[in-house]
Amino acid sequence: MSTSDSVRKLIDKAHEFNESLFKELSEGKISEDEWFEINNEYFTEHYLASDNPRGQSGHGGNEHGYFHSHQMLIDVIHKSGTIIDVGARTDICSSLFIVG
């Protein structure tokens, strides 16, 4: 296993799931509809089932860790304007700007 694969597994806890499911899709063992349903079940269970908004956005840490990991977004804002927050839980990132 390469260093980049090791790092990817640490960062992306769904890496093995994604790799194996993509392989099944590529080999024709599952259809695109089945791929979607399996992904939907997996990510609903692992993300949306969390009891806090950070967990629902895929972050496994506490509020301080979440804020720290997103500080670079705040650091680049140097004037007023509009920010497009694209993501599964857009209100989480937007609320970070209000807090920050």
N, C-alpha and C. Protein backbone atom coordinates (compact mmCIF):
# COMPACT_ATOMS: atom_id res chain seq x y z
N MET A 1 0.84 -1.17 0.00
CA MET A 1 0.00 0.00 0.00
C MET A 1 0.89 1.24 0.00
N SER A 2 0.60 2.18 -0.89
CA SER A 2 1.40 3.39 -0.97
C SER A 2 1.07 4.35 0.17
N THR A 3 1.95 5.31 0.39
CA THR A 3 1.73 6.31 1.43
C THR A 3 0.46 7.10 1.14
N SER A 4 0.23 7.45 -0.12
CA SER A 4 -0.96 8.23 -0.46
C SER A 4 -2.23 7.43 -0.17
N ASP A 5 -2.21 6.11 -0.40
CA ASP A 5 -3.37 5.27 -0.06
C ASP A 5 -3.58 5.23 1.44
N SER A 6 -2.50 5.15 2.20
CA SER A 6 -2.62 5.14 3.66
C SER A 6 -3.22 6.43 4.17
N VAL A 7 -2.74 7.54 3.64
CA VAL A 7 -3.25 8.85 4.04
C VAL A 7 -4.71 8.98 3.63
N ARG A 8 -5.03 8.56 2.42
CA ARG A 8 -6.41 8.65 1.94
C ARG A 8 -7.35 7.87 2.85
N LYS A 9 -6.93 6.70 3.30
CA LYS A 9 -7.77 5.91 4.20
C LYS A 9 -7.98 6.60 5.54
N LEU A 10 -6.97 7.30 6.02
CA LEU A 10 -7.11 8.04 7.28
C LEU A 10 -8.05 9.22 7.13
N ILE A 11 -7.94 9.92 6.01
CA ILE A 11 -8.75 11.11 5.79
C ILE A 11 -10.16 10.73 5.38
N ASP A 12 -10.26 9.81 4.46
CA ASP A 12 -11.56 9.43 3.89
C ASP A 12 -11.96 8.07 4.43
N LYS A 13 -12.75 8.07 5.48
CA LYS A 13 -13.13 6.82 6.13
C LYS A 13 -14.03 5.96 5.25
N ALA A 14 -14.57 6.53 4.19
CA ALA A 14 -15.42 5.77 3.28
C ALA A 14 -14.64 5.26 2.07
N HIS A 15 -13.31 5.41 2.11
CA HIS A 15 -12.48 5.05 0.96
C HIS A 15 -12.67 3.59 0.52
N GLU A 16 -12.56 2.67 1.45
CA GLU A 16 -12.70 1.25 1.09
C GLU A 16 -14.10 0.94 0.58
N PHE A 17 -15.09 1.54 1.22
CA PHE A 17 -16.48 1.36 0.76
C PHE A 17 -16.62 1.84 -0.68
N ASN A 18 -16.13 3.05 -0.96
CA ASN A 18 -16.24 3.62 -2.30
C ASN A 18 -15.49 2.79 -3.33
N GLU A 19 -14.28 2.37 -2.98
CA GLU A 19 -13.47 1.58 -3.91
C GLU A 19 -14.16 0.26 -4.26
N SER A 20 -14.64 -0.44 -3.26
CA SER A 20 -15.26 -1.75 -3.52
C SER A 20 -16.58 -1.60 -4.29
N LEU A 21 -17.34 -0.58 -3.97
CA LEU A 21 -18.61 -0.38 -4.66
C LEU A 21 -18.37 0.04 -6.11
N PHE A 22 -17.39 0.90 -6.34
CA PHE A 22 -17.07 1.31 -7.70
C PHE A 22 -16.59 0.11 -8.53
N LYS A 23 -15.83 -0.77 -7.89
CA LYS A 23 -15.36 -1.97 -8.59
C LYS A 23 -16.54 -2.85 -9.00
N GLU A 24 -17.49 -3.02 -8.09
CA GLU A 24 -18.68 -3.83 -8.42
C GLU A 24 -19.46 -3.21 -9.57
N LEU A 25 -19.59 -1.88 -9.57
CA LEU A 25 -20.29 -1.18 -10.65
C LEU A 25 -19.53 -1.35 -11.96
N SER A 26 -18.21 -1.16 -11.92
CA SER A 26 -17.38 -1.27 -13.13
C SER A 26 -17.42 -2.66 -13.73
N GLU A 27 -17.51 -3.67 -12.86
CA GLU A 27 -17.54 -5.05 -13.33
C GLU A 27 -18.93 -5.52 -13.70
N GLY A 28 -19.92 -4.65 -13.57
CA GLY A 28 -21.29 -5.00 -13.94
C GLY A 28 -22.01 -5.87 -12.92
N LYS A 29 -21.46 -5.99 -11.72
CA LYS A 29 -22.09 -6.81 -10.68
C LYS A 29 -23.31 -6.11 -10.08
N ILE A 30 -23.33 -4.77 -10.14
CA ILE A 30 -24.48 -4.00 -9.69
C ILE A 30 -24.81 -2.95 -10.74
N SER A 31 -26.07 -2.54 -10.76
CA SER A 31 -26.49 -1.50 -11.71
C SER A 31 -26.26 -0.13 -11.08
N GLU A 32 -26.41 0.91 -11.90
CA GLU A 32 -26.27 2.27 -11.37
C GLU A 32 -27.35 2.56 -10.33
N ASP A 33 -28.55 2.03 -10.55
CA ASP A 33 -29.62 2.22 -9.55
C ASP A 33 -29.26 1.53 -8.23
N GLU A 34 -28.71 0.33 -8.31
CA GLU A 34 -28.28 -0.37 -7.09
C GLU A 34 -27.14 0.39 -6.41
N TRP A 35 -26.20 0.90 -7.22
CA TRP A 35 -25.09 1.69 -6.69
C TRP A 35 -25.62 2.88 -5.90
N PHE A 36 -26.61 3.59 -6.48
CA PHE A 36 -27.19 4.75 -5.83
C PHE A 36 -27.86 4.36 -4.51
N GLU A 37 -28.64 3.31 -4.53
CA GLU A 37 -29.35 2.88 -3.32
C GLU A 37 -28.39 2.45 -2.21
N ILE A 38 -27.34 1.73 -2.58
CA ILE A 38 -26.34 1.30 -1.59
C ILE A 38 -25.64 2.52 -1.00
N ASN A 39 -25.27 3.48 -1.84
CA ASN A 39 -24.66 4.72 -1.36
C ASN A 39 -25.62 5.49 -0.46
N ASN A 40 -26.86 5.58 -0.87
CA ASN A 40 -27.86 6.30 -0.09
C ASN A 40 -28.00 5.69 1.31
N GLU A 41 -28.09 4.38 1.39
CA GLU A 41 -28.20 3.71 2.69
C GLU A 41 -26.94 3.92 3.54
N TYR A 42 -25.79 3.75 2.93
CA TYR A 42 -24.52 3.86 3.66
C TYR A 42 -24.34 5.25 4.23
N PHE A 43 -24.50 6.27 3.39
CA PHE A 43 -24.24 7.63 3.85
C PHE A 43 -25.33 8.15 4.77
N THR A 44 -26.55 7.68 4.61
CA THR A 44 -27.60 8.05 5.56
C THR A 44 -27.25 7.48 6.93
N GLU A 45 -26.83 6.23 6.95
CA GLU A 45 -26.47 5.59 8.22
C GLU A 45 -25.27 6.25 8.88
N HIS A 46 -24.25 6.58 8.09
CA HIS A 46 -23.00 7.07 8.67
C HIS A 46 -22.92 8.59 8.85
N TYR A 47 -23.72 9.33 8.14
CA TYR A 47 -23.66 10.79 8.26
C TYR A 47 -24.93 11.35 8.88
N LEU A 48 -26.05 11.13 8.23
CA LEU A 48 -27.28 11.76 8.70
C LEU A 48 -27.77 11.21 10.02
N ALA A 49 -27.32 10.05 10.40
CA ALA A 49 -27.74 9.47 11.68
C ALA A 49 -27.05 10.14 12.86
N SER A 50 -26.06 10.95 12.61
CA SER A 50 -25.35 11.65 13.68
C SER A 50 -26.29 12.59 14.41
N ASP A 51 -26.04 12.79 15.69
CA ASP A 51 -26.92 13.65 16.48
C ASP A 51 -26.46 15.10 16.52
N ASN A 52 -25.43 15.45 15.71
CA ASN A 52 -25.01 16.84 15.66
C ASN A 52 -24.75 17.26 14.22
N PRO A 53 -24.91 18.54 13.92
CA PRO A 53 -24.76 19.01 12.53
C PRO A 53 -23.38 18.76 11.94
N ARG A 54 -22.34 18.83 12.74
CA ARG A 54 -20.99 18.58 12.21
C ARG A 54 -20.87 17.15 11.73
N GLY A 55 -21.37 16.20 12.51
CA GLY A 55 -21.35 14.81 12.10
C GLY A 55 -22.18 14.57 10.85
N GLN A 56 -23.27 15.30 10.74
CA GLN A 56 -24.13 15.16 9.56
C GLN A 56 -23.47 15.72 8.32
N SER A 57 -22.47 16.57 8.50
CA SER A 57 -21.75 17.09 7.35
C SER A 57 -20.49 16.28 7.07
N GLY A 58 -20.29 15.20 7.84
CA GLY A 58 -19.16 14.31 7.60
C GLY A 58 -17.96 14.54 8.49
N HIS A 59 -18.07 15.47 9.43
CA HIS A 59 -16.94 15.76 10.33
C HIS A 59 -17.06 14.93 11.59
N GLY A 60 -15.99 14.24 11.96
CA GLY A 60 -16.03 13.36 13.13
C GLY A 60 -15.55 14.01 14.41
N GLY A 61 -15.13 15.25 14.37
CA GLY A 61 -14.57 15.89 15.55
C GLY A 61 -15.57 16.75 16.30
N ASN A 62 -15.04 17.52 17.24
CA ASN A 62 -15.88 18.41 18.03
C ASN A 62 -16.01 19.78 17.34
N GLU A 63 -16.73 20.69 17.99
CA GLU A 63 -16.98 22.00 17.39
C GLU A 63 -15.68 22.78 17.15
N HIS A 64 -14.77 22.72 18.12
CA HIS A 64 -13.49 23.42 17.97
C HIS A 64 -12.71 22.88 16.76
N GLY A 65 -12.65 21.57 16.64
CA GLY A 65 -11.94 20.96 15.50
C GLY A 65 -12.57 21.32 14.17
N TYR A 66 -13.90 21.34 14.15
CA TYR A 66 -14.59 21.70 12.91
C TYR A 66 -14.27 23.15 12.54
N PHE A 67 -14.36 24.05 13.52
CA PHE A 67 -14.06 25.45 13.26
C PHE A 67 -12.62 25.61 12.77
N HIS A 68 -11.69 24.96 13.45
CA HIS A 68 -10.28 25.05 13.08
C HIS A 68 -10.04 24.55 11.65
N SER A 69 -10.67 23.44 11.29
CA SER A 69 -10.45 22.87 9.95
C SER A 69 -11.07 23.72 8.85
N HIS A 70 -11.98 24.60 9.21
CA HIS A 70 -12.60 25.47 8.21
C HIS A 70 -12.13 26.92 8.31
N GLN A 71 -11.19 27.17 9.19
CA GLN A 71 -10.69 28.53 9.39
C GLN A 71 -10.14 29.13 8.11
N MET A 72 -9.54 28.31 7.25
CA MET A 72 -8.96 28.85 6.01
C MET A 72 -10.03 29.50 5.14
N LEU A 73 -11.26 29.03 5.21
CA LEU A 73 -12.33 29.67 4.45
C LEU A 73 -12.58 31.09 4.94
N ILE A 74 -12.55 31.24 6.24
CA ILE A 74 -12.78 32.55 6.83
C ILE A 74 -11.59 33.47 6.54
N ASP A 75 -10.39 32.93 6.60
CA ASP A 75 -9.18 33.72 6.41
C ASP A 75 -9.10 34.40 5.04
N VAL A 76 -9.71 33.81 4.02
CA VAL A 76 -9.61 34.38 2.68
C VAL A 76 -10.66 35.46 2.41
N ILE A 77 -11.60 35.62 3.31
CA ILE A 77 -12.62 36.66 3.12
C ILE A 77 -12.05 37.98 3.60
N HIS A 78 -11.89 38.91 2.68
CA HIS A 78 -11.29 40.18 3.02
C HIS A 78 -12.19 41.38 2.73
N LYS A 79 -13.39 41.13 2.21
CA LYS A 79 -14.34 42.21 1.97
C LYS A 79 -15.75 41.63 1.96
N SER A 80 -16.73 42.50 2.04
CA SER A 80 -18.11 42.02 2.03
C SER A 80 -18.47 41.54 0.63
N GLY A 81 -19.43 40.65 0.58
CA GLY A 81 -19.85 40.11 -0.71
C GLY A 81 -20.73 38.89 -0.51
N THR A 82 -20.88 38.13 -1.55
CA THR A 82 -21.73 36.94 -1.52
C THR A 82 -20.86 35.70 -1.54
N ILE A 83 -21.22 34.75 -0.72
CA ILE A 83 -20.50 33.48 -0.67
C ILE A 83 -21.47 32.38 -1.09
N ILE A 84 -21.07 31.59 -2.02
CA ILE A 84 -21.87 30.44 -2.41
C ILE A 84 -21.34 29.24 -1.64
N ASP A 85 -22.19 28.70 -0.79
CA ASP A 85 -21.83 27.56 0.04
C ASP A 85 -22.46 26.32 -0.57
N VAL A 86 -21.66 25.52 -1.26
CA VAL A 86 -22.17 24.34 -1.94
C VAL A 86 -21.78 23.11 -1.15
N GLY A 87 -22.77 22.35 -0.75
CA GLY A 87 -22.48 21.14 0.02
C GLY A 87 -23.76 20.49 0.50
N ALA A 88 -23.58 19.35 1.13
CA ALA A 88 -24.74 18.60 1.61
C ALA A 88 -25.44 19.31 2.76
N ARG A 89 -24.67 19.98 3.59
CA ARG A 89 -25.23 20.70 4.74
C ARG A 89 -24.78 22.15 4.66
N THR A 90 -25.35 22.91 3.73
CA THR A 90 -24.88 24.26 3.49
C THR A 90 -25.04 25.17 4.69
N ASP A 91 -26.06 24.94 5.51
CA ASP A 91 -26.26 25.82 6.66
C ASP A 91 -25.14 25.69 7.69
N ILE A 92 -24.45 24.56 7.71
CA ILE A 92 -23.37 24.37 8.67
C ILE A 92 -22.21 25.30 8.34
N CYS A 93 -21.76 25.30 7.11
CA CYS A 93 -20.65 26.17 6.72
C CYS A 93 -21.04 27.63 6.83
N SER A 94 -22.24 27.97 6.41
CA SER A 94 -22.70 29.36 6.49
C SER A 94 -22.75 29.84 7.93
N SER A 95 -23.18 28.98 8.86
CA SER A 95 -23.23 29.39 10.25
C SER A 95 -21.83 29.61 10.80
N LEU A 96 -20.85 28.95 10.23
CA LEU A 96 -19.46 29.14 10.64
C LEU A 96 -19.03 30.58 10.37
N PHE A 97 -19.47 31.14 9.24
CA PHE A 97 -19.12 32.51 8.91
C PHE A 97 -19.79 33.49 9.87
N ILE A 98 -20.98 33.18 10.30
CA ILE A 98 -21.68 34.04 11.25
C ILE A 98 -20.97 34.01 12.60
N VAL A 99 -20.59 32.80 13.05
CA VAL A 99 -19.89 32.65 14.31
C VAL A 99 -18.51 33.27 14.24
N GLY A 100 -17.81 32.99 13.11
CA GLY A 100 -16.42 33.44 12.94
C GLY A 100 -16.37 34.91 12.74
